[in-house]
Amino acid sequence: MEASRGILPDGASSMSRVAVVTGGASGMGRAIARRLALAGDTVALFDVDGAGAAAVADELAREGARALAHPVDVADPAAVETAIAQVRHDAGPVQIVVTSAGRSRFEPFETITTDSWQEVYGVNVLGTFLCIQAAIPDMVAGGWGRVVTISSSSGQQGAHRAAHYASSKGAVIALTKALAKEFGARGVTVNTIAPSLIETPMVQAARAAGDIPSAAAMAARTVVGRLGTPEEVAAACAFLCSDDAGFITGQVIGVNGGSVI
């Protein structure tokens, strides 16, 4: 695996925390990483697109933030362990984990292959499990931690031609609740954000492929009459990662414009 890339300037605030954000090269992951970094946390961006993650880290460094980039396939146990160990070495114990890396596919149920199923579950479920398991000992040792998984409204209500994606996101919701029960008494909160109708590169690619309706049709499904932005997901995530959210755990936070009520 390539070495990490980024800048950790001198004079970091003692109040800043170390956060790992997966899928940090684009979309919601990028917005979350920016929000946390510009608020003062040291952020490690994990993404299979190592060049994209490095570009975001460099951008943040130019803005005075502390950011590192690691090319990581979150479905690879060895890669995750190595990257978390490197973050711990370079920046200190991991106190925040946000699992935003995701894989979606649109296929009729009858044609889903075992490989396709395992690829979606590998990123969405196994990757979430691996990243949290590698980092949570730091949180337990410090008596404080924040885990935010990124699920989907599809995990709450299903999705047409995406049984593997919807069920994988339902698994993320169940995993979140299980971990909240297991680690709450040890100072670690675990919540999930279930976005829907957020304008991201993944959504734009699906729209271009004809897998989902037009932006106008999707906006009509919300009660606010528009699509959401990655920055709005990032704002909810930043709150869940803060001290102010210490009495919130095991919850599904729907950033969805009222499309799921």
Protein backbone atom coordinates (compact mmCIF):
# COMPACT_ATOMS: atom_id res chain seq x y z
CA MET A 1 0.00 0.00 0.00
CA GLU A 2 1.18 3.50 -0.77
CA ALA A 3 2.35 5.71 2.09
CA SER A 4 -0.01 8.23 3.59
CA ARG A 5 0.04 11.74 2.25
CA GLY A 6 -0.87 14.97 3.97
CA ILE A 7 0.21 17.66 6.35
CA LEU A 8 0.07 17.86 10.13
CA PRO A 9 1.13 21.45 10.93
CA ASP A 10 2.70 22.38 14.23
CA GLY A 11 0.64 24.11 16.88
CA ALA A 12 -2.37 21.78 16.72
CA SER A 13 -5.00 22.47 19.34
CA SER A 14 -5.03 20.05 22.25
CA MET A 15 -8.81 19.93 21.85
CA SER A 16 -8.66 18.58 18.31
CA ARG A 17 -9.46 14.92 17.79
CA VAL A 18 -8.32 12.32 15.29
CA ALA A 19 -11.00 11.27 12.83
CA VAL A 20 -11.03 8.63 10.10
CA VAL A 21 -13.48 9.21 7.25
CA THR A 22 -13.87 6.48 4.65
CA GLY A 23 -14.94 7.32 1.13
CA GLY A 24 -13.31 10.69 1.68
CA ALA A 25 -12.35 11.41 -1.91
CA SER A 26 -15.79 12.54 -3.06
CA GLY A 27 -19.44 13.08 -2.28
CA MET A 28 -20.65 12.85 1.29
CA GLY A 29 -17.30 11.52 2.55
CA ARG A 30 -15.47 14.52 1.15
CA ALA A 31 -17.98 16.95 2.67
CA ILE A 32 -17.77 15.21 6.06
CA ALA A 33 -13.98 15.21 6.01
CA ARG A 34 -13.93 18.91 5.17
CA ARG A 35 -16.42 19.77 7.89
CA LEU A 36 -14.47 17.93 10.59
CA ALA A 37 -11.06 19.14 9.42
CA LEU A 38 -12.05 22.79 9.15
CA ALA A 39 -13.58 22.54 12.64
CA GLY A 40 -10.14 21.61 13.97
CA ASP A 41 -9.97 17.82 13.93
CA THR A 42 -7.12 15.91 12.33
CA VAL A 43 -8.78 13.92 9.56
CA ALA A 44 -7.49 10.82 7.78
CA LEU A 45 -9.25 10.23 4.49
CA PHE A 46 -9.51 6.58 3.39
CA ASP A 47 -10.53 5.85 -0.18
CA VAL A 48 -9.82 3.28 -2.86
CA ASP A 49 -9.22 6.36 -5.04
CA GLY A 50 -5.92 7.26 -3.43
CA ALA A 51 -5.23 10.15 -5.80
CA GLY A 52 -8.64 11.65 -5.09
CA ALA A 53 -8.16 11.37 -1.34
CA ALA A 54 -4.72 12.96 -1.63
CA ALA A 55 -6.17 15.87 -3.61
CA VAL A 56 -8.75 16.52 -0.86
CA ALA A 57 -6.07 16.29 1.84
CA ASP A 58 -3.85 18.73 -0.05
CA GLU A 59 -6.78 21.12 -0.48
CA LEU A 60 -7.51 21.00 3.24
CA ALA A 61 -3.86 21.52 4.11
CA ARG A 62 -3.79 24.67 1.96
CA GLU A 63 -6.73 25.91 4.04
CA GLY A 64 -4.78 25.34 7.25
CA ALA A 65 -6.42 22.09 8.28
CA ARG A 66 -4.72 18.88 9.36
CA ALA A 67 -5.38 16.10 6.87
CA LEU A 68 -3.89 12.80 5.77
CA ALA A 69 -4.82 10.57 2.85
CA HIS A 70 -4.57 6.80 2.63
CA PRO A 71 -5.38 4.68 -0.42
CA VAL A 72 -7.51 1.96 1.20
CA ASP A 73 -9.87 -0.72 -0.03
CA VAL A 74 -12.07 -0.93 3.05
CA ALA A 75 -13.02 -4.51 2.18
CA ASP A 76 -9.36 -5.57 2.59
CA PRO A 77 -8.67 -6.42 6.26
CA ALA A 78 -4.89 -6.04 5.96
CA ALA A 79 -5.19 -2.67 4.22
CA VAL A 80 -7.54 -1.34 6.88
CA GLU A 81 -5.34 -2.55 9.76
CA THR A 82 -2.25 -1.03 8.16
CA ALA A 83 -3.92 2.31 7.51
CA ILE A 84 -5.39 2.62 11.01
CA ALA A 85 -1.99 1.76 12.52
CA GLN A 86 -0.38 4.45 10.37
CA VAL A 87 -2.94 7.05 11.43
CA ARG A 88 -2.32 6.12 15.06
CA HIS A 89 1.42 6.51 14.51
CA ASP A 90 1.19 9.80 12.62
CA ALA A 91 -1.60 11.57 14.48
CA GLY A 92 -2.49 9.69 17.66
CA PRO A 93 -5.34 7.47 18.84
CA VAL A 94 -8.42 7.42 16.63
CA GLN A 95 -11.40 8.99 18.40
CA ILE A 96 -13.89 9.40 15.55
CA VAL A 97 -14.77 7.02 12.71
CA VAL A 98 -17.20 7.86 9.92
CA THR A 99 -17.85 5.05 7.44
CA SER A 100 -18.98 6.80 4.29
CA ALA A 101 -17.43 4.45 1.70
CA GLY A 102 -20.21 2.77 -0.23
CA ARG A 103 -20.97 0.71 -3.30
CA SER A 104 -24.29 0.69 -5.15
CA ARG A 105 -25.58 -1.46 -7.99
CA PHE A 106 -28.87 -1.54 -9.88
CA GLU A 107 -29.77 -5.02 -11.10
CA PRO A 108 -32.95 -7.09 -11.22
CA PHE A 109 -32.95 -9.56 -8.35
CA GLU A 110 -33.02 -12.55 -10.72
CA THR A 111 -29.75 -11.49 -12.35
CA ILE A 112 -27.70 -10.59 -9.26
CA THR A 113 -24.62 -12.80 -9.20
CA THR A 114 -22.80 -14.00 -6.13
CA ASP A 115 -19.83 -11.83 -7.12
CA SER A 116 -22.02 -8.73 -7.41
CA TRP A 117 -23.68 -9.45 -4.06
CA GLN A 118 -20.35 -9.96 -2.33
CA GLU A 119 -18.85 -6.82 -3.89
CA VAL A 120 -21.66 -4.65 -2.55
CA TYR A 121 -21.59 -6.30 0.87
CA GLY A 122 -17.79 -6.21 0.92
CA VAL A 123 -17.69 -2.41 0.84
CA ASN A 124 -20.93 -1.56 2.62
CA VAL A 125 -20.97 -4.11 5.43
CA LEU A 126 -17.56 -5.77 5.75
CA GLY A 127 -15.78 -2.44 5.18
CA THR A 128 -17.86 -0.77 7.87
CA PHE A 129 -17.15 -3.61 10.30
CA LEU A 130 -13.40 -3.67 9.59
CA CYS A 131 -12.83 0.07 10.00
CA ILE A 132 -14.79 0.30 13.25
CA GLN A 133 -13.22 -2.83 14.73
CA ALA A 134 -9.69 -1.61 13.95
CA ALA A 135 -10.23 1.80 15.58
CA ILE A 136 -12.61 1.24 18.47
CA PRO A 137 -9.95 -0.01 20.92
CA ASP A 138 -8.52 3.54 20.92
CA MET A 139 -11.93 4.95 21.85
CA VAL A 140 -12.47 2.42 24.62
CA ALA A 141 -8.99 3.09 26.01
CA GLY A 142 -9.66 6.83 26.08
CA GLY A 143 -13.20 6.53 27.42
CA TRP A 144 -14.56 8.67 24.57
CA GLY A 145 -15.46 7.91 20.98
CA ARG A 146 -17.83 8.69 18.17
CA VAL A 147 -18.80 6.29 15.40
CA VAL A 148 -21.11 7.43 12.62
CA THR A 149 -22.04 4.97 9.91
CA ILE A 150 -23.61 6.11 6.67
CA SER A 151 -26.52 3.84 5.79
CA SER A 152 -29.39 4.81 3.50
CA SER A 153 -33.13 5.21 3.43
CA SER A 154 -32.99 2.16 1.15
CA GLY A 155 -32.04 0.17 4.24
CA GLN A 156 -35.25 1.35 5.89
CA GLN A 157 -37.72 0.87 3.05
CA GLY A 158 -36.04 -1.20 0.32
CA ALA A 159 -35.10 -0.14 -3.19
CA HIS A 160 -36.23 -1.21 -6.65
CA ARG A 161 -33.65 -3.27 -8.57
CA ALA A 162 -31.14 -2.96 -5.71
CA ALA A 163 -31.81 -5.82 -3.30
CA HIS A 164 -28.12 -6.21 -2.50
CA TYR A 165 -27.63 -2.49 -1.84
CA ALA A 166 -30.80 -2.06 0.23
CA SER A 167 -30.18 -5.13 2.34
CA SER A 168 -26.55 -4.18 2.92
CA LYS A 169 -27.62 -0.78 4.21
CA GLY A 170 -30.19 -2.46 6.44
CA ALA A 171 -27.33 -4.52 7.84
CA VAL A 172 -25.40 -1.32 8.56
CA ILE A 173 -28.36 -0.01 10.55
CA ALA A 174 -28.54 -3.23 12.58
CA LEU A 175 -24.78 -3.22 13.15
CA THR A 176 -24.98 0.37 14.39
CA LYS A 177 -27.64 -0.48 16.94
CA ALA A 178 -25.73 -3.55 18.15
CA LEU A 179 -22.51 -1.57 18.64
CA ALA A 180 -24.38 1.23 20.44
CA LYS A 181 -25.57 -1.31 22.99
CA GLU A 182 -22.16 -2.92 23.33
CA PHE A 183 -20.06 0.22 23.71
CA GLY A 184 -22.35 2.85 25.24
CA ALA A 185 -21.21 2.19 28.81
CA ARG A 186 -17.60 2.59 27.66
CA GLY A 187 -18.01 6.16 26.43
CA VAL A 188 -18.52 5.43 22.74
CA THR A 189 -21.65 6.52 20.88
CA VAL A 190 -22.61 4.82 17.62
CA ASN A 191 -25.22 6.32 15.31
CA THR A 192 -26.12 6.08 11.65
CA ILE A 193 -27.17 8.68 9.13
CA ALA A 194 -29.62 7.34 6.56
CA PRO A 195 -29.49 9.82 3.68
CA SER A 196 -31.86 9.94 0.76
CA LEU A 197 -32.10 12.10 -2.35
CA ILE A 198 -28.67 13.68 -1.84
CA GLU A 199 -27.01 15.09 -4.95
CA THR A 200 -23.69 13.22 -5.07
CA PRO A 201 -21.44 11.91 -7.87
CA MET A 202 -22.82 8.41 -7.20
CA VAL A 203 -26.39 9.67 -7.70
CA GLN A 204 -25.40 11.61 -10.80
CA ALA A 205 -23.79 8.51 -12.31
CA ALA A 206 -26.90 6.46 -11.58
CA ARG A 207 -29.08 9.13 -13.17
CA ALA A 208 -26.88 9.26 -16.28
CA ALA A 209 -27.16 5.48 -16.59
CA GLY A 210 -30.94 5.66 -16.40
CA ASP A 211 -31.10 3.75 -13.13
CA ILE A 212 -32.93 6.48 -11.22
CA PRO A 213 -35.38 9.25 -12.18
CA SER A 214 -34.52 12.83 -13.09
CA ALA A 215 -33.45 15.34 -10.47
CA ALA A 216 -36.85 17.05 -10.70
CA ALA A 217 -38.71 13.78 -10.18
CA MET A 218 -36.53 12.89 -7.22
CA ALA A 219 -36.98 16.33 -5.66
CA ALA A 220 -40.75 15.88 -5.89
CA ARG A 221 -40.46 12.92 -3.51
CA THR A 222 -39.34 15.21 -0.69
CA VAL A 223 -41.60 17.44 1.39
CA VAL A 224 -39.12 20.31 1.07
CA GLY A 225 -39.22 20.18 -2.73
CA ARG A 226 -35.52 19.82 -3.48
CA LEU A 227 -32.56 17.47 -3.35
CA GLY A 228 -30.18 17.56 -0.42
CA THR A 229 -26.48 18.37 -0.47
CA PRO A 230 -23.47 16.48 0.89
CA GLU A 231 -22.82 19.46 3.14
CA GLU A 232 -26.17 18.94 4.86
CA VAL A 233 -25.23 15.35 5.62
CA ALA A 234 -21.86 16.61 6.87
CA ALA A 235 -23.55 19.05 9.25
CA ALA A 236 -25.58 16.26 10.85
CA CYS A 237 -22.50 14.07 11.06
CA ALA A 238 -20.42 16.81 12.71
CA PHE A 239 -23.06 17.20 15.40
CA LEU A 240 -23.12 13.45 16.08
CA CYS A 241 -19.32 13.54 16.39
CA SER A 242 -19.40 16.38 18.93
CA ASP A 243 -19.51 16.44 22.71
CA ASP A 244 -23.03 17.87 22.46
CA ALA A 245 -24.29 14.52 21.10
CA GLY A 246 -23.09 12.46 24.05
CA PHE A 247 -26.63 11.32 24.99
CA ILE A 248 -27.51 10.22 21.45
CA THR A 249 -26.62 6.66 20.49
CA GLY A 250 -28.10 3.81 18.48
CA GLN A 251 -30.17 6.25 16.43
CA VAL A 252 -31.03 6.44 12.74
CA ILE A 253 -30.84 10.08 11.64
CA GLY A 254 -32.70 10.59 8.39
CA VAL A 255 -31.23 13.37 6.29
CA ASN A 256 -33.80 12.95 3.58
CA GLY A 257 -35.90 16.08 3.08
CA GLY A 258 -38.90 14.35 4.61
CA SER A 259 -38.97 11.58 2.01
CA VAL A 260 -39.05 9.05 4.86
CA ILE A 261 -41.15 10.06 7.86
